[in-house]
């Protein structure tokens, strides 16, 4: 399947864009992108998904072609989840399967926390499990004992004004740093789309707010010890990721009633590095209408 061009949707929470693919009568699958990407990140993996699915891929607030909103509080992951839920409500979608990558994987978990009865299955890709406090702490301890070099971009964006002052006019350099360093090549059309998106005024600030809101997010997640995801779940891991380390998978079984982990020989952007292989894992797990 191929995803549509972005469509605009107004909800009580704002104006957002989204892409759609597959059959209108298929089983809804909500696919949430991460940073510094947009809903376009599902274009290539979508070409290998099986029939019988209806893909709904929102652009999160501040990215893609959705509205750029000032204020760090709008980018708390709980708030971004409410944005997605408002879109699904507007589209009349009740029950759905859920996929999230990077920050989109965090937003997906927040969606599943907010409306667990509506999420029938969940796939998370290359991001922390927010209720896996033990595994996440092991990552923190490892990073502190070795090097934080790989995390420089997070610290950079958390500094007031730096992203806004230094990225505009250099969007190709900024995006290129992340995507051209991928383990496997990312399609050129995807790279061009992310450069275009980051050139929209307000994007450097919005993108930085994903990281500026992180400390408040983490305080909230600290209270999730003992939570278990009840819906069947799959974690697809690009095992060459330099930021989402293998220790994030430690104790992951304790966080789910049912979880399967599949590894792909790829880096962080696995769905664009190895779209056919990633789609194969999705196809085995997802249910059709």
C-alpha atoms as a PDB file:
ATOM      1  CA  UNK A   1       0.000   0.000   0.000  1.00  0.00           C
ATOM      2  CA  UNK A   2       1.020   3.614  -0.478  1.00  0.00           C
ATOM      3  CA  UNK A   3       0.122   6.339   1.969  1.00  0.00           C
ATOM      4  CA  UNK A   4      -1.903   9.325   0.853  1.00  0.00           C
ATOM      5  CA  UNK A   5      -0.671  12.893   0.767  1.00  0.00           C
ATOM      6  CA  UNK A   6      -1.260  14.647   4.105  1.00  0.00           C
ATOM      7  CA  UNK A   7      -4.888  15.353   4.962  1.00  0.00           C
ATOM      8  CA  UNK A   8      -5.909  18.083   7.396  1.00  0.00           C
ATOM      9  CA  UNK A   9      -8.085  17.387  10.413  1.00  0.00           C
ATOM     10  CA  UNK A  10      -9.400  19.902  12.951  1.00  0.00           C
ATOM     11  CA  UNK A  11     -10.166  18.680  16.470  1.00  0.00           C
ATOM     12  CA  UNK A  12     -10.925  20.454  19.760  1.00  0.00           C
ATOM     13  CA  UNK A  13      -7.190  20.151  20.513  1.00  0.00           C
ATOM     14  CA  UNK A  14      -5.920  21.758  17.314  1.00  0.00           C
ATOM     15  CA  UNK A  15      -5.309  21.260  13.609  1.00  0.00           C
ATOM     16  CA  UNK A  16      -3.305  18.219  12.586  1.00  0.00           C
ATOM     17  CA  UNK A  17      -2.405  16.325   9.444  1.00  0.00           C
ATOM     18  CA  UNK A  18      -2.416  12.600   8.785  1.00  0.00           C
ATOM     19  CA  UNK A  19      -1.821  10.072   6.039  1.00  0.00           C
ATOM     20  CA  UNK A  20      -3.921   7.053   5.190  1.00  0.00           C
ATOM     21  CA  UNK A  21      -3.276   3.829   3.315  1.00  0.00           C
ATOM     22  CA  UNK A  22      -4.726   0.393   2.675  1.00  0.00           C
ATOM     23  CA  UNK A  23      -8.406  -0.489   2.620  1.00  0.00           C
ATOM     24  CA  UNK A  24     -11.017   1.874   4.044  1.00  0.00           C
ATOM     25  CA  UNK A  25     -12.813  -1.194   5.409  1.00  0.00           C
ATOM     26  CA  UNK A  26      -9.644  -2.775   6.820  1.00  0.00           C
ATOM     27  CA  UNK A  27      -8.626  -3.205  10.449  1.00  0.00           C
ATOM     28  CA  UNK A  28      -7.417   0.198  11.716  1.00  0.00           C
ATOM     29  CA  UNK A  29      -3.691   0.401  12.472  1.00  0.00           C
ATOM     30  CA  UNK A  30      -2.478   3.675  14.003  1.00  0.00           C
ATOM     31  CA  UNK A  31       1.211   4.288  13.238  1.00  0.00           C
ATOM     32  CA  UNK A  32       2.939   7.062  15.204  1.00  0.00           C
ATOM     33  CA  UNK A  33       6.248   8.482  13.993  1.00  0.00           C
ATOM     34  CA  UNK A  34       9.174   9.718  16.028  1.00  0.00           C
ATOM     35  CA  UNK A  35      11.687  12.566  15.803  1.00  0.00           C
ATOM     36  CA  UNK A  36      12.954  14.090  13.507  1.00  0.00           C
ATOM     37  CA  UNK A  37      10.494  12.385  11.213  1.00  0.00           C
ATOM     38  CA  UNK A  38       6.854  12.650  10.222  1.00  0.00           C
ATOM     39  CA  UNK A  39       4.095  10.293   9.150  1.00  0.00           C
ATOM     40  CA  UNK A  40       6.087   9.841   5.933  1.00  0.00           C
ATOM     41  CA  UNK A  41       8.396   7.473   7.828  1.00  0.00           C
ATOM     42  CA  UNK A  42       5.803   4.721   7.256  1.00  0.00           C
ATOM     43  CA  UNK A  43       5.697   5.155   3.479  1.00  0.00           C
ATOM     44  CA  UNK A  44       8.249   2.470   2.603  1.00  0.00           C
ATOM     45  CA  UNK A  45       7.249  -0.086   5.228  1.00  0.00           C
ATOM     46  CA  UNK A  46       3.630   0.479   4.193  1.00  0.00           C
ATOM     47  CA  UNK A  47       4.407  -0.847   0.708  1.00  0.00           C
ATOM     48  CA  UNK A  48       5.026  -4.282   2.227  1.00  0.00           C
ATOM     49  CA  UNK A  49       2.078  -4.488   4.640  1.00  0.00           C
ATOM     50  CA  UNK A  50      -0.528  -7.153   3.964  1.00  0.00           C
ATOM     51  CA  UNK A  51      -4.023  -6.522   2.676  1.00  0.00           C
ATOM     52  CA  UNK A  52      -6.891  -6.065   5.106  1.00  0.00           C
ATOM     53  CA  UNK A  53      -5.371  -3.158   7.057  1.00  0.00           C
ATOM     54  CA  UNK A  54      -6.323   0.503   7.183  1.00  0.00           C
ATOM     55  CA  UNK A  55      -3.255   2.570   8.107  1.00  0.00           C
ATOM     56  CA  UNK A  56      -3.807   5.865   9.902  1.00  0.00           C
ATOM     57  CA  UNK A  57      -0.551   7.778  10.378  1.00  0.00           C
ATOM     58  CA  UNK A  58      -0.860  11.122  12.217  1.00  0.00           C
ATOM     59  CA  UNK A  59       1.676  13.919  12.144  1.00  0.00           C
ATOM     60  CA  UNK A  60       2.388  14.719  15.775  1.00  0.00           C
ATOM     61  CA  UNK A  61       2.076  18.302  16.962  1.00  0.00           C
ATOM     62  CA  UNK A  62       5.014  20.396  15.805  1.00  0.00           C
ATOM     63  CA  UNK A  63       6.199  17.920  13.162  1.00  0.00           C
ATOM     64  CA  UNK A  64       5.091  16.890   9.695  1.00  0.00           C
ATOM     65  CA  UNK A  65       2.480  19.399   8.581  1.00  0.00           C
ATOM     66  CA  UNK A  66       0.597  19.605  11.880  1.00  0.00           C
ATOM     67  CA  UNK A  67       0.356  22.869  13.753  1.00  0.00           C
ATOM     68  CA  UNK A  68       3.412  24.367  15.424  1.00  0.00           C
ATOM     69  CA  UNK A  69       2.347  25.307  18.919  1.00  0.00           C
ATOM     70  CA  UNK A  70       4.397  27.463  21.272  1.00  0.00           C
ATOM     71  CA  UNK A  71       4.903  26.231  24.810  1.00  0.00           C
ATOM     72  CA  UNK A  72       6.783  23.242  26.162  1.00  0.00           C
ATOM     73  CA  UNK A  73       3.748  21.832  27.974  1.00  0.00           C
ATOM     74  CA  UNK A  74       2.057  20.966  24.656  1.00  0.00           C
ATOM     75  CA  UNK A  75       4.848  18.472  23.969  1.00  0.00           C
ATOM     76  CA  UNK A  76       4.491  16.394  27.110  1.00  0.00           C
ATOM     77  CA  UNK A  77       3.963  12.886  25.780  1.00  0.00           C
ATOM     78  CA  UNK A  78       0.684  12.518  27.664  1.00  0.00           C
ATOM     79  CA  UNK A  79      -0.559  15.649  25.890  1.00  0.00           C
ATOM     80  CA  UNK A  80       0.607  14.385  22.486  1.00  0.00           C
ATOM     81  CA  UNK A  81      -1.298  11.161  23.149  1.00  0.00           C
ATOM     82  CA  UNK A  82      -4.444  13.173  23.772  1.00  0.00           C
ATOM     83  CA  UNK A  83      -3.866  14.872  20.404  1.00  0.00           C
ATOM     84  CA  UNK A  84      -3.806  11.459  18.705  1.00  0.00           C
ATOM     85  CA  UNK A  85      -6.898  10.280  20.568  1.00  0.00           C
ATOM     86  CA  UNK A  86      -8.732  13.456  19.541  1.00  0.00           C
ATOM     87  CA  UNK A  87      -7.902  12.705  15.911  1.00  0.00           C
ATOM     88  CA  UNK A  88      -9.146   9.141  16.190  1.00  0.00           C
ATOM     89  CA  UNK A  89     -12.346  10.357  17.838  1.00  0.00           C
ATOM     90  CA  UNK A  90     -12.870  12.813  14.984  1.00  0.00           C
ATOM     91  CA  UNK A  91     -12.333  10.004  12.470  1.00  0.00           C
ATOM     92  CA  UNK A  92     -14.786   7.755  14.302  1.00  0.00           C
ATOM     93  CA  UNK A  93     -12.192   5.078  15.057  1.00  0.00           C
ATOM     94  CA  UNK A  94     -12.845   3.221  18.291  1.00  0.00           C
ATOM     95  CA  UNK A  95     -10.779   0.025  18.465  1.00  0.00           C
ATOM     96  CA  UNK A  96      -7.375  -0.065  16.772  1.00  0.00           C
ATOM     97  CA  UNK A  97      -3.958  -1.676  16.656  1.00  0.00           C
ATOM     98  CA  UNK A  98      -1.136   0.655  17.609  1.00  0.00           C
ATOM     99  CA  UNK A  99       2.451   1.077  16.384  1.00  0.00           C
ATOM    100  CA  UNK A 100       5.001   3.623  17.560  1.00  0.00           C
ATOM    101  CA  UNK A 101       8.670   4.334  16.853  1.00  0.00           C
ATOM    102  CA  UNK A 102      11.054   6.562  18.842  1.00  0.00           C
ATOM    103  CA  UNK A 103       9.048   9.352  20.568  1.00  0.00           C
ATOM    104  CA  UNK A 104       6.055   7.937  18.707  1.00  0.00           C
ATOM    105  CA  UNK A 105       6.587   4.739  20.672  1.00  0.00           C
ATOM    106  CA  UNK A 106       6.344   6.740  23.884  1.00  0.00           C
ATOM    107  CA  UNK A 107       3.216   8.508  22.636  1.00  0.00           C
ATOM    108  CA  UNK A 108       1.769   5.112  21.688  1.00  0.00           C
ATOM    109  CA  UNK A 109       2.323   3.878  25.243  1.00  0.00           C
ATOM    110  CA  UNK A 110       0.612   7.003  26.583  1.00  0.00           C
ATOM    111  CA  UNK A 111      -2.316   6.314  24.246  1.00  0.00           C
ATOM    112  CA  UNK A 112      -2.492   2.755  25.559  1.00  0.00           C
ATOM    113  CA  UNK A 113      -2.438   4.067  29.138  1.00  0.00           C
ATOM    114  CA  UNK A 114      -5.241   6.518  28.429  1.00  0.00           C
ATOM    115  CA  UNK A 115      -7.585   4.235  26.444  1.00  0.00           C
ATOM    116  CA  UNK A 116      -6.429   0.629  27.038  1.00  0.00           C
ATOM    117  CA  UNK A 117      -9.802  -0.842  26.068  1.00  0.00           C
ATOM    118  CA  UNK A 118      -9.462   0.638  22.583  1.00  0.00           C
ATOM    119  CA  UNK A 119      -5.970  -0.762  21.856  1.00  0.00           C
ATOM    120  CA  UNK A 120      -6.209  -4.388  20.727  1.00  0.00           C
ATOM    121  CA  UNK A 121      -2.511  -4.891  19.904  1.00  0.00           C
ATOM    122  CA  UNK A 122       0.639  -2.807  20.263  1.00  0.00           C
ATOM    123  CA  UNK A 123       4.019  -2.682  18.508  1.00  0.00           C
ATOM    124  CA  UNK A 124       6.870  -0.583  19.947  1.00  0.00           C
ATOM    125  CA  UNK A 125      10.105   0.087  18.068  1.00  0.00           C
ATOM    126  CA  UNK A 126      13.446   1.399  19.370  1.00  0.00           C
ATOM    127  CA  UNK A 127      12.385   3.369  22.407  1.00  0.00           C
ATOM    128  CA  UNK A 128      12.167   2.826  26.149  1.00  0.00           C
ATOM    129  CA  UNK A 129       9.222   1.052  27.743  1.00  0.00           C
ATOM    130  CA  UNK A 130       7.995   3.693  30.156  1.00  0.00           C
ATOM    131  CA  UNK A 131       7.058   1.272  32.959  1.00  0.00           C
ATOM    132  CA  UNK A 132      10.371  -0.631  32.726  1.00  0.00           C
ATOM    133  CA  UNK A 133      12.031   1.297  35.522  1.00  0.00           C
ATOM    134  CA  UNK A 134      14.702  -1.322  36.216  1.00  0.00           C
ATOM    135  CA  UNK A 135      15.855  -1.677  32.621  1.00  0.00           C
ATOM    136  CA  UNK A 136      15.780   2.065  32.016  1.00  0.00           C
ATOM    137  CA  UNK A 137      17.870   2.675  35.134  1.00  0.00           C
ATOM    138  CA  UNK A 138      20.482   0.212  33.905  1.00  0.00           C
ATOM    139  CA  UNK A 139      20.757   2.257  30.712  1.00  0.00           C
ATOM    140  CA  UNK A 140      21.252   5.456  32.724  1.00  0.00           C
ATOM    141  CA  UNK A 141      23.961   3.829  34.825  1.00  0.00           C
ATOM    142  CA  UNK A 142      25.748   2.484  31.741  1.00  0.00           C
ATOM    143  CA  UNK A 143      25.681   5.845  29.964  1.00  0.00           C
ATOM    144  CA  UNK A 144      26.970   7.664  33.046  1.00  0.00           C
ATOM    145  CA  UNK A 145      29.845   5.202  33.415  1.00  0.00           C
ATOM    146  CA  UNK A 146      30.883   5.394  29.759  1.00  0.00           C
ATOM    147  CA  UNK A 147      30.095   8.343  27.479  1.00  0.00           C
ATOM    148  CA  UNK A 148      27.164  10.618  26.758  1.00  0.00           C
ATOM    149  CA  UNK A 149      28.537  11.544  23.328  1.00  0.00           C
ATOM    150  CA  UNK A 150      25.679   9.887  21.450  1.00  0.00           C
ATOM    151  CA  UNK A 151      23.154  11.997  23.369  1.00  0.00           C
ATOM    152  CA  UNK A 152      24.595  15.421  22.528  1.00  0.00           C
ATOM    153  CA  UNK A 153      21.611  16.394  20.356  1.00  0.00           C
ATOM    154  CA  UNK A 154      19.254  15.921  23.288  1.00  0.00           C
ATOM    155  CA  UNK A 155      21.275  18.214  25.549  1.00  0.00           C
ATOM    156  CA  UNK A 156      21.634  20.743  22.714  1.00  0.00           C
ATOM    157  CA  UNK A 157      17.892  20.956  22.190  1.00  0.00           C
ATOM    158  CA  UNK A 158      17.163  21.242  25.902  1.00  0.00           C
ATOM    159  CA  UNK A 159      19.180  24.476  26.070  1.00  0.00           C
ATOM    160  CA  UNK A 160      16.910  27.531  25.711  1.00  0.00           C
ATOM    161  CA  UNK A 161      17.110  29.173  22.311  1.00  0.00           C
ATOM    162  CA  UNK A 162      19.897  27.111  20.739  1.00  0.00           C
ATOM    163  CA  UNK A 163      17.800  25.050  18.343  1.00  0.00           C
ATOM    164  CA  UNK A 164      15.770  28.089  17.305  1.00  0.00           C
ATOM    165  CA  UNK A 165      18.902  30.155  16.747  1.00  0.00           C
ATOM    166  CA  UNK A 166      21.157  27.663  14.999  1.00  0.00           C
ATOM    167  CA  UNK A 167      19.054  25.263  12.898  1.00  0.00           C
ATOM    168  CA  UNK A 168      17.115  27.626  10.548  1.00  0.00           C
ATOM    169  CA  UNK A 169      18.871  27.782   7.178  1.00  0.00           C
ATOM    170  CA  UNK A 170      20.833  24.624   7.972  1.00  0.00           C
ATOM    171  CA  UNK A 171      17.983  22.107   7.921  1.00  0.00           C
ATOM    172  CA  UNK A 172      19.757  19.886   5.397  1.00  0.00           C
ATOM    173  CA  UNK A 173      22.830  19.695   7.632  1.00  0.00           C
ATOM    174  CA  UNK A 174      20.742  19.068  10.759  1.00  0.00           C
ATOM    175  CA  UNK A 175      18.617  16.300   9.260  1.00  0.00           C
ATOM    176  CA  UNK A 176      21.531  14.914   7.279  1.00  0.00           C
ATOM    177  CA  UNK A 177      23.576  14.377  10.414  1.00  0.00           C
ATOM    178  CA  UNK A 178      21.035  11.917  11.787  1.00  0.00           C
ATOM    179  CA  UNK A 179      19.742  10.134   8.710  1.00  0.00           C
ATOM    180  CA  UNK A 180      22.908   9.860   6.617  1.00  0.00           C
ATOM    181  CA  UNK A 181      24.627   8.227   9.572  1.00  0.00           C
ATOM    182  CA  UNK A 182      22.099   5.393   9.613  1.00  0.00           C
ATOM    183  CA  UNK A 183      23.444   1.847   9.540  1.00  0.00           C
ATOM    184  CA  UNK A 184      21.565   1.174   6.300  1.00  0.00           C
ATOM    185  CA  UNK A 185      20.694   3.928   3.796  1.00  0.00           C
ATOM    186  CA  UNK A 186      17.436   5.809   4.320  1.00  0.00           C
ATOM    187  CA  UNK A 187      15.518   6.508   1.087  1.00  0.00           C
ATOM    188  CA  UNK A 188      16.329   9.876  -0.464  1.00  0.00           C
ATOM    189  CA  UNK A 189      12.657  10.817  -0.724  1.00  0.00           C
ATOM    190  CA  UNK A 190      12.321  10.397   3.056  1.00  0.00           C
ATOM    191  CA  UNK A 191      15.354  12.589   3.723  1.00  0.00           C
ATOM    192  CA  UNK A 192      13.988  15.298   1.422  1.00  0.00           C
ATOM    193  CA  UNK A 193      10.642  15.181   3.234  1.00  0.00           C
ATOM    194  CA  UNK A 194      12.228  15.686   6.661  1.00  0.00           C
ATOM    195  CA  UNK A 195      14.362  18.589   5.411  1.00  0.00           C
ATOM    196  CA  UNK A 196      11.225  20.185   3.944  1.00  0.00           C
ATOM    197  CA  UNK A 197       9.321  19.658   7.183  1.00  0.00           C
ATOM    198  CA  UNK A 198      12.101  21.086   9.359  1.00  0.00           C
ATOM    199  CA  UNK A 199      12.198  24.176   7.143  1.00  0.00           C
ATOM    200  CA  UNK A 200       8.638  25.096   8.190  1.00  0.00           C
ATOM    201  CA  UNK A 201       8.899  28.060  10.601  1.00  0.00           C
ATOM    202  CA  UNK A 202       8.623  27.014  14.217  1.00  0.00           C
ATOM    203  CA  UNK A 203       9.806  23.440  13.697  1.00  0.00           C
ATOM    204  CA  UNK A 204      13.205  23.746  15.432  1.00  0.00           C
ATOM    205  CA  UNK A 205      11.486  25.028  18.579  1.00  0.00           C
ATOM    206  CA  UNK A 206       8.727  22.425  18.398  1.00  0.00           C
ATOM    207  CA  UNK A 207      11.207  19.616  17.836  1.00  0.00           C
ATOM    208  CA  UNK A 208      13.320  20.823  20.758  1.00  0.00           C
ATOM    209  CA  UNK A 209      10.251  20.880  22.997  1.00  0.00           C
ATOM    210  CA  UNK A 210      10.006  17.101  22.686  1.00  0.00           C
ATOM    211  CA  UNK A 211      13.262  16.994  24.662  1.00  0.00           C
ATOM    212  CA  UNK A 212      12.577  19.970  26.906  1.00  0.00           C
ATOM    213  CA  UNK A 213       9.439  18.245  28.175  1.00  0.00           C
ATOM    214  CA  UNK A 214      11.315  15.046  28.945  1.00  0.00           C
ATOM    215  CA  UNK A 215      12.166  15.776  32.575  1.00  0.00           C
ATOM    216  CA  UNK A 216       8.499  16.288  33.419  1.00  0.00           C
ATOM    217  CA  UNK A 217       7.602  13.154  31.462  1.00  0.00           C
ATOM    218  CA  UNK A 218      10.155  11.101  33.390  1.00  0.00           C
ATOM    219  CA  UNK A 219       8.803  12.267  36.752  1.00  0.00           C
ATOM    220  CA  UNK A 220       5.377  11.016  35.738  1.00  0.00           C
ATOM    221  CA  UNK A 221       6.655   7.669  34.456  1.00  0.00           C
ATOM    222  CA  UNK A 222       8.474   7.074  37.750  1.00  0.00           C
ATOM    223  CA  UNK A 223       5.068   6.221  39.199  1.00  0.00           C
ATOM    224  CA  UNK A 224       4.388   3.441  36.687  1.00  0.00           C
ATOM    225  CA  UNK A 225       6.391   0.678  38.387  1.00  0.00           C
ATOM    226  CA  UNK A 226       4.193  -2.393  38.536  1.00  0.00           C
ATOM    227  CA  UNK A 227       2.031  -1.409  35.579  1.00  0.00           C
ATOM    228  CA  UNK A 228       1.537  -4.164  33.003  1.00  0.00           C
ATOM    229  CA  UNK A 229       0.376  -3.828  29.428  1.00  0.00           C
ATOM    230  CA  UNK A 230      -2.513  -6.239  28.949  1.00  0.00           C
ATOM    231  CA  UNK A 231      -2.803  -6.121  25.151  1.00  0.00           C
ATOM    232  CA  UNK A 232      -0.645  -8.544  23.095  1.00  0.00           C
ATOM    233  CA  UNK A 233       2.535  -6.674  22.202  1.00  0.00           C
ATOM    234  CA  UNK A 234       5.574  -6.876  19.941  1.00  0.00           C
ATOM    235  CA  UNK A 235       8.885  -5.046  20.286  1.00  0.00           C
ATOM    236  CA  UNK A 236      10.902  -4.751  17.056  1.00  0.00           C
ATOM    237  CA  UNK A 237      14.477  -3.725  17.803  1.00  0.00           C
ATOM    238  CA  UNK A 238      17.049  -2.319  15.385  1.00  0.00           C
ATOM    239  CA  UNK A 239      20.052  -3.822  17.149  1.00  0.00           C
ATOM    240  CA  UNK A 240      22.694  -1.375  15.862  1.00  0.00           C
ATOM    241  CA  UNK A 241      21.095   1.627  17.591  1.00  0.00           C
ATOM    242  CA  UNK A 242      23.678   3.761  19.422  1.00  0.00           C
ATOM    243  CA  UNK A 243      21.111   5.562  21.588  1.00  0.00           C
ATOM    244  CA  UNK A 244      18.466   2.941  22.387  1.00  0.00           C
ATOM    245  CA  UNK A 245      20.868   0.451  23.950  1.00  0.00           C
ATOM    246  CA  UNK A 246      20.230  -3.299  24.458  1.00  0.00           C
ATOM    247  CA  UNK A 247      19.784  -2.744  28.194  1.00  0.00           C
ATOM    248  CA  UNK A 248      16.429  -1.152  27.421  1.00  0.00           C
ATOM    249  CA  UNK A 249      15.217  -4.708  26.734  1.00  0.00           C
ATOM    250  CA  UNK A 250      16.225  -5.995  30.167  1.00  0.00           C
ATOM    251  CA  UNK A 251      13.192  -6.951  32.291  1.00  0.00           C
ATOM    252  CA  UNK A 252      10.858  -6.106  29.394  1.00  0.00           C
ATOM    253  CA  UNK A 253       8.916  -9.352  29.970  1.00  0.00           C
ATOM    254  CA  UNK A 254       7.905  -8.077  33.407  1.00  0.00           C
ATOM    255  CA  UNK A 255       6.085  -5.134  31.803  1.00  0.00           C
ATOM    256  CA  UNK A 256       3.666  -7.088  29.612  1.00  0.00           C
ATOM    257  CA  UNK A 257       1.191  -9.908  29.937  1.00  0.00           C
ATOM    258  CA  UNK A 258       2.323 -11.019  26.476  1.00  0.00           C
ATOM    259  CA  UNK A 259       5.389  -9.686  24.648  1.00  0.00           C
ATOM    260  CA  UNK A 260       7.539 -10.931  21.781  1.00  0.00           C
ATOM    261  CA  UNK A 261      10.858  -9.313  20.813  1.00  0.00           C
ATOM    262  CA  UNK A 262      12.221  -9.430  17.264  1.00  0.00           C
ATOM    263  CA  UNK A 263      15.597  -8.035  16.240  1.00  0.00           C
ATOM    264  CA  UNK A 264      16.508  -6.465  12.906  1.00  0.00           C
ATOM    265  CA  UNK A 265      20.062  -5.834  11.716  1.00  0.00           C
ATOM    266  CA  UNK A 266      19.539  -2.082  11.538  1.00  0.00           C
ATOM    267  CA  UNK A 267      20.053   1.130  13.427  1.00  0.00           C
ATOM    268  CA  UNK A 268      17.550   3.490  14.965  1.00  0.00           C
ATOM    269  CA  UNK A 269      15.484   4.165  11.825  1.00  0.00           C
ATOM    270  CA  UNK A 270      14.806   0.481  11.235  1.00  0.00           C
ATOM    271  CA  UNK A 271      11.473   0.874   9.425  1.00  0.00           C
ATOM    272  CA  UNK A 272      13.206   2.950   6.747  1.00  0.00           C
ATOM    273  CA  UNK A 273      16.490   1.045   6.771  1.00  0.00           C
ATOM    274  CA  UNK A 274      14.891  -2.395   6.439  1.00  0.00           C
ATOM    275  CA  UNK A 275      11.235  -1.740   5.498  1.00  0.00           C
ATOM    276  CA  UNK A 276      10.464  -5.169   4.029  1.00  0.00           C
ATOM    277  CA  UNK A 277      11.896  -7.061   7.000  1.00  0.00           C
ATOM    278  CA  UNK A 278      10.142  -4.826   9.522  1.00  0.00           C
ATOM    279  CA  UNK A 279       6.870  -5.153   7.617  1.00  0.00           C
ATOM    280  CA  UNK A 280       7.273  -8.925   7.724  1.00  0.00           C
ATOM    281  CA  UNK A 281       7.325  -8.890  11.525  1.00  0.00           C
ATOM    282  CA  UNK A 282       4.323  -6.551  11.549  1.00  0.00           C
ATOM    283  CA  UNK A 283       2.395  -8.769   9.143  1.00  0.00           C
ATOM    284  CA  UNK A 284       2.886 -11.825  11.351  1.00  0.00           C
ATOM    285  CA  UNK A 285       1.562  -9.939  14.378  1.00  0.00           C
ATOM    286  CA  UNK A 286      -1.208  -7.665  13.110  1.00  0.00           C
ATOM    287  CA  UNK A 287      -4.775  -8.886  12.675  1.00  0.00           C
ATOM    288  CA  UNK A 288      -6.785  -8.022   9.573  1.00  0.00           C
ATOM    289  CA  UNK A 289     -10.451  -7.252   9.295  1.00  0.00           C
END
